[in-house]
Amino acid sequence: MDSIEIDHLDRQLLHALQLDGRAPFNRVASALGVSEHTVGRRYRRLRTSGLFVVGEPDSERLGYTRWLLRIRCTPDAVTTIADALGRRADTSHVSVASGGTEVHCSITTHSAEEADAILLSKLPRTPRMVSFDAHCVLRTFCGTPPSWYTKQGALDSDQATALMPPTEETPRDIDEVVVLDAADHSLMSALAVDGRATFPQLTAATGISASSLSRHLDRLRAVGALHICLDYPPARLGYQKMAKLWLRVAPGELESIGETLGTHPETDLVAATTGPFNLVATVICRNAKHLYVYLNNQIGALSGVQSVETAPLIREVKRLSVRR
């Protein structure tokens, strides 16, 4: 990947694409006050340094189960295990942590039988794995869709409003599971490769007409089953320190603390889970000092947090569904 200098306009473009990854360049250009040619050129330049825009399904809306795995292995096996997990279609956010002896990843299962097969049969047979914990995600406060890029304040409120994607006309029932048909699955698979693929490109990939794909895409986004998400290495924006926080929170304070953490500029993911740690957060900081100040001043100020374990992320293998 090429090394480029990121300026304010680049950050605005990243913010805009996190709000709506399929926003036409002319709409982005109008909001940013630059030419469409400039937006296109900046987008292509960012692509050379690690930018991806991909379609990501919403597990909760689709009735799937999301698991956060914490896998402990021998140091000589960590790269092999992390890379193998990164190649799986059902994983995301695969990283190496804690001195190179631990792999963290998110895995999605579609049924109890599939969860049993993976967690009780396949994973335990992994060579040189010492142990693993599987935390079932109960609720996501922040991270679906991702929002870290939008927390950096590159756009003002008027620009952000102009770039927000169309929303559904009536509030959805959050307990209603969205059912996918064959066309939905094909479309999601194509968008997982390129979230900005044109309708002719999507038609070529799926064999479905552009008009039908347009209807399916509008529906999936309107009901919250599909998010068009931005993936760009935080390190290229000057954020060099990432960590996973495993928190024990008083049960009665889980909701309020989860909501509070979700508003922090540092958080990329905040989720309530099963297990001895009932709240998990991924934080992105500029450096070790920034991480320390965040732990001391922000986490330390929350009376409901009983304990926290901090696991620095050493290497990212996969962000969202994109392998690094």
Protein backbone atom coordinates (compact mmCIF):
# COMPACT_ATOMS: atom_id res chain seq x y z
CA MET A 1 0.00 0.00 0.00
CA ASP A 2 1.20 3.51 -0.77
CA SER A 3 1.92 5.90 2.06
CA ILE A 4 0.02 9.17 1.65
CA GLU A 5 -0.43 12.26 3.76
CA ILE A 6 -3.98 12.53 5.11
CA ASP A 7 -5.43 16.03 5.26
CA HIS A 8 -8.74 17.49 6.44
CA LEU A 9 -10.52 16.86 3.12
CA ASP A 10 -9.51 13.19 3.25
CA ARG A 11 -10.94 12.94 6.77
CA GLN A 12 -14.15 14.60 5.60
CA LEU A 13 -14.44 12.06 2.79
CA LEU A 14 -13.90 9.17 5.21
CA HIS A 15 -16.59 10.62 7.51
CA ALA A 16 -18.96 11.04 4.56
CA LEU A 17 -18.48 7.47 3.35
CA GLN A 18 -19.04 6.10 6.85
CA LEU A 19 -22.39 7.87 6.88
CA ASP A 20 -23.34 6.55 3.44
CA GLY A 21 -20.84 4.31 1.69
CA ARG A 22 -22.83 4.42 -1.57
CA ALA A 23 -23.33 8.18 -1.64
CA PRO A 24 -22.74 9.46 -5.21
CA PHE A 25 -19.60 11.54 -5.58
CA ASN A 26 -21.64 14.54 -6.76
CA ARG A 27 -23.64 14.53 -3.51
CA VAL A 28 -20.46 14.22 -1.44
CA ALA A 29 -18.83 16.99 -3.46
CA SER A 30 -21.81 19.31 -2.93
CA ALA A 31 -21.71 18.77 0.85
CA LEU A 32 -17.94 19.26 1.04
CA GLY A 33 -17.85 22.28 -1.25
CA VAL A 34 -15.41 20.78 -3.76
CA SER A 35 -15.68 19.40 -7.28
CA GLU A 36 -16.90 15.91 -8.09
CA HIS A 37 -13.55 15.32 -9.84
CA THR A 38 -11.72 16.13 -6.59
CA VAL A 39 -13.84 13.70 -4.59
CA GLY A 40 -13.26 10.93 -7.11
CA ARG A 41 -9.53 11.57 -7.17
CA ARG A 42 -9.28 11.61 -3.37
CA TYR A 43 -11.31 8.40 -3.15
CA ARG A 44 -9.05 6.59 -5.60
CA ARG A 45 -5.99 7.83 -3.73
CA LEU A 46 -7.35 6.56 -0.41
CA ARG A 47 -8.06 3.19 -2.03
CA THR A 48 -4.33 2.82 -2.75
CA SER A 49 -3.56 3.22 0.97
CA GLY A 50 -6.06 0.77 2.41
CA LEU A 51 -9.60 2.12 2.00
CA PHE A 52 -12.39 -0.40 1.49
CA VAL A 53 -16.14 0.15 1.35
CA VAL A 54 -18.02 -3.09 1.94
CA GLY A 55 -21.53 -4.32 2.66
CA GLU A 56 -21.92 -5.83 6.12
CA PRO A 57 -25.00 -7.76 7.31
CA ASP A 58 -26.55 -6.84 10.65
CA SER A 59 -26.54 -10.07 12.67
CA GLU A 60 -29.15 -8.90 15.15
CA ARG A 61 -31.64 -7.85 12.47
CA LEU A 62 -31.17 -11.13 10.62
CA GLY A 63 -31.62 -13.31 13.69
CA TYR A 64 -28.03 -14.57 13.59
CA THR A 65 -25.84 -15.02 16.65
CA ARG A 66 -22.57 -13.16 16.96
CA TRP A 67 -19.78 -14.55 19.10
CA LEU A 68 -16.64 -12.83 20.32
CA LEU A 69 -13.89 -15.44 20.58
CA ARG A 70 -10.83 -15.11 22.77
CA ILE A 71 -8.43 -17.85 21.72
CA ARG A 72 -5.24 -18.60 23.65
CA CYS A 73 -2.53 -20.47 21.80
CA THR A 74 1.18 -21.21 21.82
CA PRO A 75 3.29 -18.28 20.50
CA ASP A 76 4.48 -20.24 17.45
CA ALA A 77 0.89 -20.90 16.34
CA VAL A 78 -0.70 -17.47 16.74
CA THR A 79 -0.07 -16.29 13.18
CA THR A 80 -1.26 -19.54 11.65
CA ILE A 81 -4.47 -19.56 13.70
CA ALA A 82 -5.19 -15.86 13.11
CA ASP A 83 -4.67 -16.19 9.36
CA ALA A 84 -6.87 -19.30 9.20
CA LEU A 85 -9.67 -17.45 11.02
CA GLY A 86 -9.22 -14.47 8.71
CA ARG A 87 -9.85 -16.66 5.66
CA ARG A 88 -13.24 -17.80 6.99
CA ALA A 89 -16.26 -16.08 5.45
CA ASP A 90 -18.10 -16.02 8.79
CA THR A 91 -15.42 -14.09 10.72
CA SER A 92 -14.64 -10.41 11.15
CA HIS A 93 -12.37 -8.25 13.32
CA VAL A 94 -9.60 -10.83 13.63
CA SER A 95 -6.60 -9.57 15.60
CA VAL A 96 -3.57 -10.75 17.58
CA ALA A 97 -3.40 -9.46 21.14
CA SER A 98 -1.76 -9.83 24.56
CA GLY A 99 1.88 -10.40 23.74
CA GLY A 100 1.22 -12.61 20.74
CA THR A 101 -0.43 -15.50 22.56
CA GLU A 102 -4.07 -14.54 22.08
CA VAL A 103 -6.31 -14.17 19.02
CA HIS A 104 -9.55 -12.21 19.14
CA CYS A 105 -12.23 -12.53 16.50
CA SER A 106 -15.93 -12.16 15.85
CA ILE A 107 -17.77 -15.08 14.29
CA THR A 108 -21.40 -15.27 13.16
CA THR A 109 -23.51 -18.42 13.32
CA HIS A 110 -26.90 -18.86 11.67
CA SER A 111 -28.30 -21.61 13.90
CA ALA A 112 -27.73 -23.50 17.14
CA GLU A 113 -26.48 -26.48 15.13
CA GLU A 114 -23.91 -24.34 13.36
CA ALA A 115 -22.74 -22.86 16.68
CA ASP A 116 -22.36 -26.36 18.12
CA ALA A 117 -20.36 -27.50 15.10
CA ILE A 118 -17.94 -24.59 15.31
CA LEU A 119 -17.61 -24.09 19.06
CA LEU A 120 -17.84 -27.69 20.22
CA SER A 121 -16.26 -29.57 17.35
CA LYS A 122 -14.09 -27.56 14.95
CA LEU A 123 -12.38 -25.04 17.25
CA PRO A 124 -11.42 -27.53 20.01
CA ARG A 125 -9.52 -29.57 17.40
CA THR A 126 -7.34 -26.64 16.35
CA PRO A 127 -3.66 -27.63 16.74
CA ARG A 128 -1.61 -25.78 19.38
CA MET A 129 -4.64 -23.94 20.75
CA VAL A 130 -4.47 -23.85 24.55
CA SER A 131 -8.02 -22.70 25.32
CA PHE A 132 -10.74 -20.34 24.15
CA ASP A 133 -13.67 -18.37 25.52
CA ALA A 134 -16.78 -17.72 23.43
CA HIS A 135 -18.79 -14.66 24.47
CA CYS A 136 -22.26 -14.41 22.95
CA VAL A 137 -23.15 -10.84 21.97
CA LEU A 138 -26.43 -9.87 23.62
CA ARG A 139 -26.67 -6.24 22.54
CA THR A 140 -24.51 -3.89 20.52
CA PHE A 141 -24.35 -0.32 21.79
CA CYS A 142 -21.77 0.86 19.26
CA GLY A 143 -20.25 -0.79 16.22
CA THR A 144 -23.20 -1.93 14.09
CA PRO A 145 -22.81 -0.08 11.87
CA PRO A 146 -19.29 1.15 12.74
CA SER A 147 -19.14 4.79 13.76
CA TRP A 148 -15.57 5.54 14.90
CA TYR A 149 -14.78 7.56 11.77
CA THR A 150 -17.86 9.70 12.30
CA LYS A 151 -16.75 10.54 15.86
CA GLN A 152 -13.67 12.43 14.70
CA GLY A 153 -15.72 15.54 13.82
CA ALA A 154 -14.44 16.08 10.27
CA LEU A 155 -17.91 17.16 9.08
CA ASP A 156 -20.08 19.82 10.66
CA SER A 157 -23.71 19.09 11.51
CA ASP A 158 -25.10 20.52 8.25
CA GLN A 159 -22.70 18.48 6.14
CA ALA A 160 -23.46 15.30 8.09
CA THR A 161 -27.21 15.85 7.71
CA ALA A 162 -26.85 16.33 3.95
CA LEU A 163 -24.95 13.05 3.65
CA MET A 164 -27.12 10.83 5.81
CA PRO A 165 -28.66 7.98 3.80
CA PRO A 166 -32.45 7.75 3.35
CA THR A 167 -34.17 6.19 6.34
CA GLU A 168 -37.29 4.10 6.62
CA GLU A 169 -40.57 5.95 6.92
CA THR A 170 -41.81 4.13 10.01
CA PRO A 171 -39.84 2.77 12.96
CA ARG A 172 -39.08 -0.92 12.62
CA ASP A 173 -39.91 -3.57 15.18
CA ILE A 174 -36.46 -4.42 16.56
CA ASP A 175 -37.69 -7.89 17.54
CA GLU A 176 -38.81 -8.75 14.01
CA VAL A 177 -36.28 -10.89 12.16
CA VAL A 178 -35.60 -9.88 8.56
CA VAL A 179 -35.90 -12.89 6.23
CA LEU A 180 -33.59 -12.99 3.19
CA ASP A 181 -34.37 -14.58 -0.16
CA ALA A 182 -31.90 -15.89 -2.76
CA ALA A 183 -31.54 -12.48 -4.41
CA ASP A 184 -30.77 -10.85 -1.05
CA HIS A 185 -28.03 -13.40 -0.35
CA SER A 186 -26.50 -12.91 -3.80
CA LEU A 187 -26.56 -9.14 -3.45
CA MET A 188 -25.00 -9.23 0.01
CA SER A 189 -22.21 -11.50 -1.23
CA ALA A 190 -21.41 -9.11 -4.07
CA LEU A 191 -21.46 -6.04 -1.82
CA ALA A 192 -19.16 -7.78 0.67
CA VAL A 193 -16.51 -7.54 -2.05
CA ASP A 194 -17.23 -3.93 -3.05
CA GLY A 195 -19.89 -1.90 -1.30
CA ARG A 196 -19.77 0.76 -4.03
CA ALA A 197 -20.17 -1.66 -6.95
CA THR A 198 -22.39 -0.20 -9.67
CA PHE A 199 -25.63 -1.90 -10.63
CA PRO A 200 -24.15 -3.17 -13.92
CA GLN A 201 -21.31 -4.70 -11.88
CA LEU A 202 -23.76 -6.19 -9.40
CA THR A 203 -25.83 -7.60 -12.23
CA ALA A 204 -22.73 -9.22 -13.72
CA ALA A 205 -21.86 -10.74 -10.33
CA THR A 206 -25.36 -11.98 -9.45
CA GLY A 207 -27.22 -12.48 -12.74
CA ILE A 208 -30.10 -10.39 -11.36
CA SER A 209 -31.49 -7.34 -13.17
CA ALA A 210 -30.41 -3.90 -12.00
CA SER A 211 -33.99 -2.83 -11.23
CA SER A 212 -34.56 -5.87 -9.02
CA LEU A 213 -31.22 -5.38 -7.26
CA SER A 214 -32.08 -1.74 -6.61
CA ARG A 215 -35.34 -2.73 -4.91
CA HIS A 216 -33.60 -5.37 -2.80
CA LEU A 217 -30.81 -2.99 -1.79
CA ASP A 218 -33.23 -0.23 -0.79
CA ARG A 219 -35.23 -2.68 1.33
CA LEU A 220 -32.22 -4.22 3.05
CA ARG A 221 -30.81 -0.83 3.98
CA ALA A 222 -34.18 0.57 5.04
CA VAL A 223 -34.87 -2.25 7.51
CA GLY A 224 -31.32 -2.16 8.87
CA ALA A 225 -30.33 -5.62 7.63
CA LEU A 226 -27.41 -4.31 5.56
CA HIS A 227 -24.90 -1.55 6.27
CA ILE A 228 -22.44 -0.11 3.75
CA CYS A 229 -19.37 0.29 5.92
CA LEU A 230 -16.03 2.01 5.65
CA ASP A 231 -12.76 0.29 6.52
CA TYR A 232 -9.57 2.35 6.69
CA PRO A 233 -6.54 1.69 8.92
CA PRO A 234 -6.72 4.02 11.96
CA ALA A 235 -2.91 4.06 12.07
CA ARG A 236 -2.90 6.04 8.82
CA LEU A 237 -4.91 8.71 10.63
CA GLY A 238 -2.39 8.87 13.48
CA TYR A 239 -4.12 6.42 15.84
CA GLN A 240 -1.44 3.87 16.67
CA LYS A 241 -2.81 2.14 19.78
CA MET A 242 -5.81 -0.19 19.75
CA ALA A 243 -6.99 -2.33 22.64
CA LYS A 244 -9.79 -4.66 23.62
CA LEU A 245 -11.35 -3.90 27.01
CA TRP A 246 -13.05 -6.72 28.89
CA LEU A 247 -15.19 -5.13 31.61
CA ARG A 248 -17.14 -6.47 34.56
CA VAL A 249 -20.09 -4.16 35.11
CA ALA A 250 -22.76 -4.23 37.82
CA PRO A 251 -25.81 -5.84 36.13
CA GLY A 252 -28.11 -2.95 36.92
CA GLU A 253 -25.70 -0.49 35.29
CA LEU A 254 -24.97 -2.44 32.12
CA GLU A 255 -27.38 -0.45 29.94
CA SER A 256 -26.29 3.00 31.09
CA ILE A 257 -22.57 2.25 30.94
CA GLY A 258 -22.88 0.59 27.53
CA GLU A 259 -24.71 3.65 26.19
CA THR A 260 -22.12 5.97 27.75
CA LEU A 261 -19.15 4.08 26.30
CA GLY A 262 -20.83 4.09 22.90
CA THR A 263 -20.66 7.90 22.83
CA HIS A 264 -16.92 8.08 23.58
CA PRO A 265 -14.79 9.15 20.59
CA GLU A 266 -12.34 6.33 21.36
CA THR A 267 -14.80 3.42 21.06
CA ASP A 268 -15.12 1.40 17.86
CA LEU A 269 -17.22 -1.39 19.39
CA VAL A 270 -19.22 -1.64 22.61
CA ALA A 271 -21.30 -4.75 23.26
CA ALA A 272 -22.96 -6.55 26.15
CA THR A 273 -21.94 -10.22 26.24
CA THR A 274 -22.25 -13.41 28.20
CA GLY A 275 -19.39 -14.67 30.35
CA PRO A 276 -17.41 -13.34 33.33
CA PHE A 277 -16.88 -10.07 31.44
CA ASN A 278 -20.32 -8.76 30.55
CA LEU A 279 -19.24 -5.74 28.49
CA VAL A 280 -16.60 -5.65 25.74
CA ALA A 281 -15.20 -2.56 24.05
CA THR A 282 -12.64 -1.96 21.33
CA VAL A 283 -10.91 1.40 21.71
CA ILE A 284 -8.71 3.32 19.27
CA CYS A 285 -6.21 5.79 20.71
CA ARG A 286 -3.36 7.90 19.37
CA ASN A 287 -0.71 6.32 21.58
CA ALA A 288 -0.12 4.59 24.92
CA LYS A 289 -0.50 7.85 26.84
CA HIS A 290 -3.88 8.50 25.24
CA LEU A 291 -4.98 4.96 26.18
CA TYR A 292 -3.83 5.48 29.78
CA VAL A 293 -5.68 8.79 30.07
CA TYR A 294 -8.81 7.19 28.63
CA LEU A 295 -8.69 4.27 31.08
CA ASN A 296 -7.99 6.51 34.05
CA ASN A 297 -10.29 9.44 33.31
CA GLN A 298 -13.16 7.93 31.32
CA ILE A 299 -13.41 4.30 32.42
CA GLY A 300 -12.25 5.11 35.94
CA ALA A 301 -15.05 7.65 36.36
CA LEU A 302 -17.77 5.02 35.83
CA SER A 303 -18.80 3.76 39.26
CA GLY A 304 -20.57 0.70 37.88
CA VAL A 305 -17.37 -0.72 36.36
CA GLN A 306 -16.09 -3.31 38.83
CA SER A 307 -12.95 -4.31 36.91
CA VAL A 308 -11.38 -4.03 33.48
CA GLU A 309 -8.80 -6.09 31.64
CA THR A 310 -6.94 -4.32 28.85
CA ALA A 311 -5.57 -6.39 25.95
CA PRO A 312 -3.54 -4.32 23.44
CA LEU A 313 -4.06 -5.36 19.83
CA ILE A 314 -0.69 -6.06 18.22
CA ARG A 315 -1.74 -6.94 14.69
CA GLU A 316 -5.00 -6.68 12.77
CA VAL A 317 -5.60 -9.55 10.38
CA LYS A 318 -9.13 -8.59 9.39
CA ARG A 319 -11.21 -5.45 9.93
CA LEU A 320 -14.94 -5.92 9.30
CA SER A 321 -14.93 -8.63 6.62
CA VAL A 322 -11.80 -7.27 4.93
CA ARG A 323 -8.51 -9.14 5.30
CA ARG A 324 -5.42 -7.03 5.91
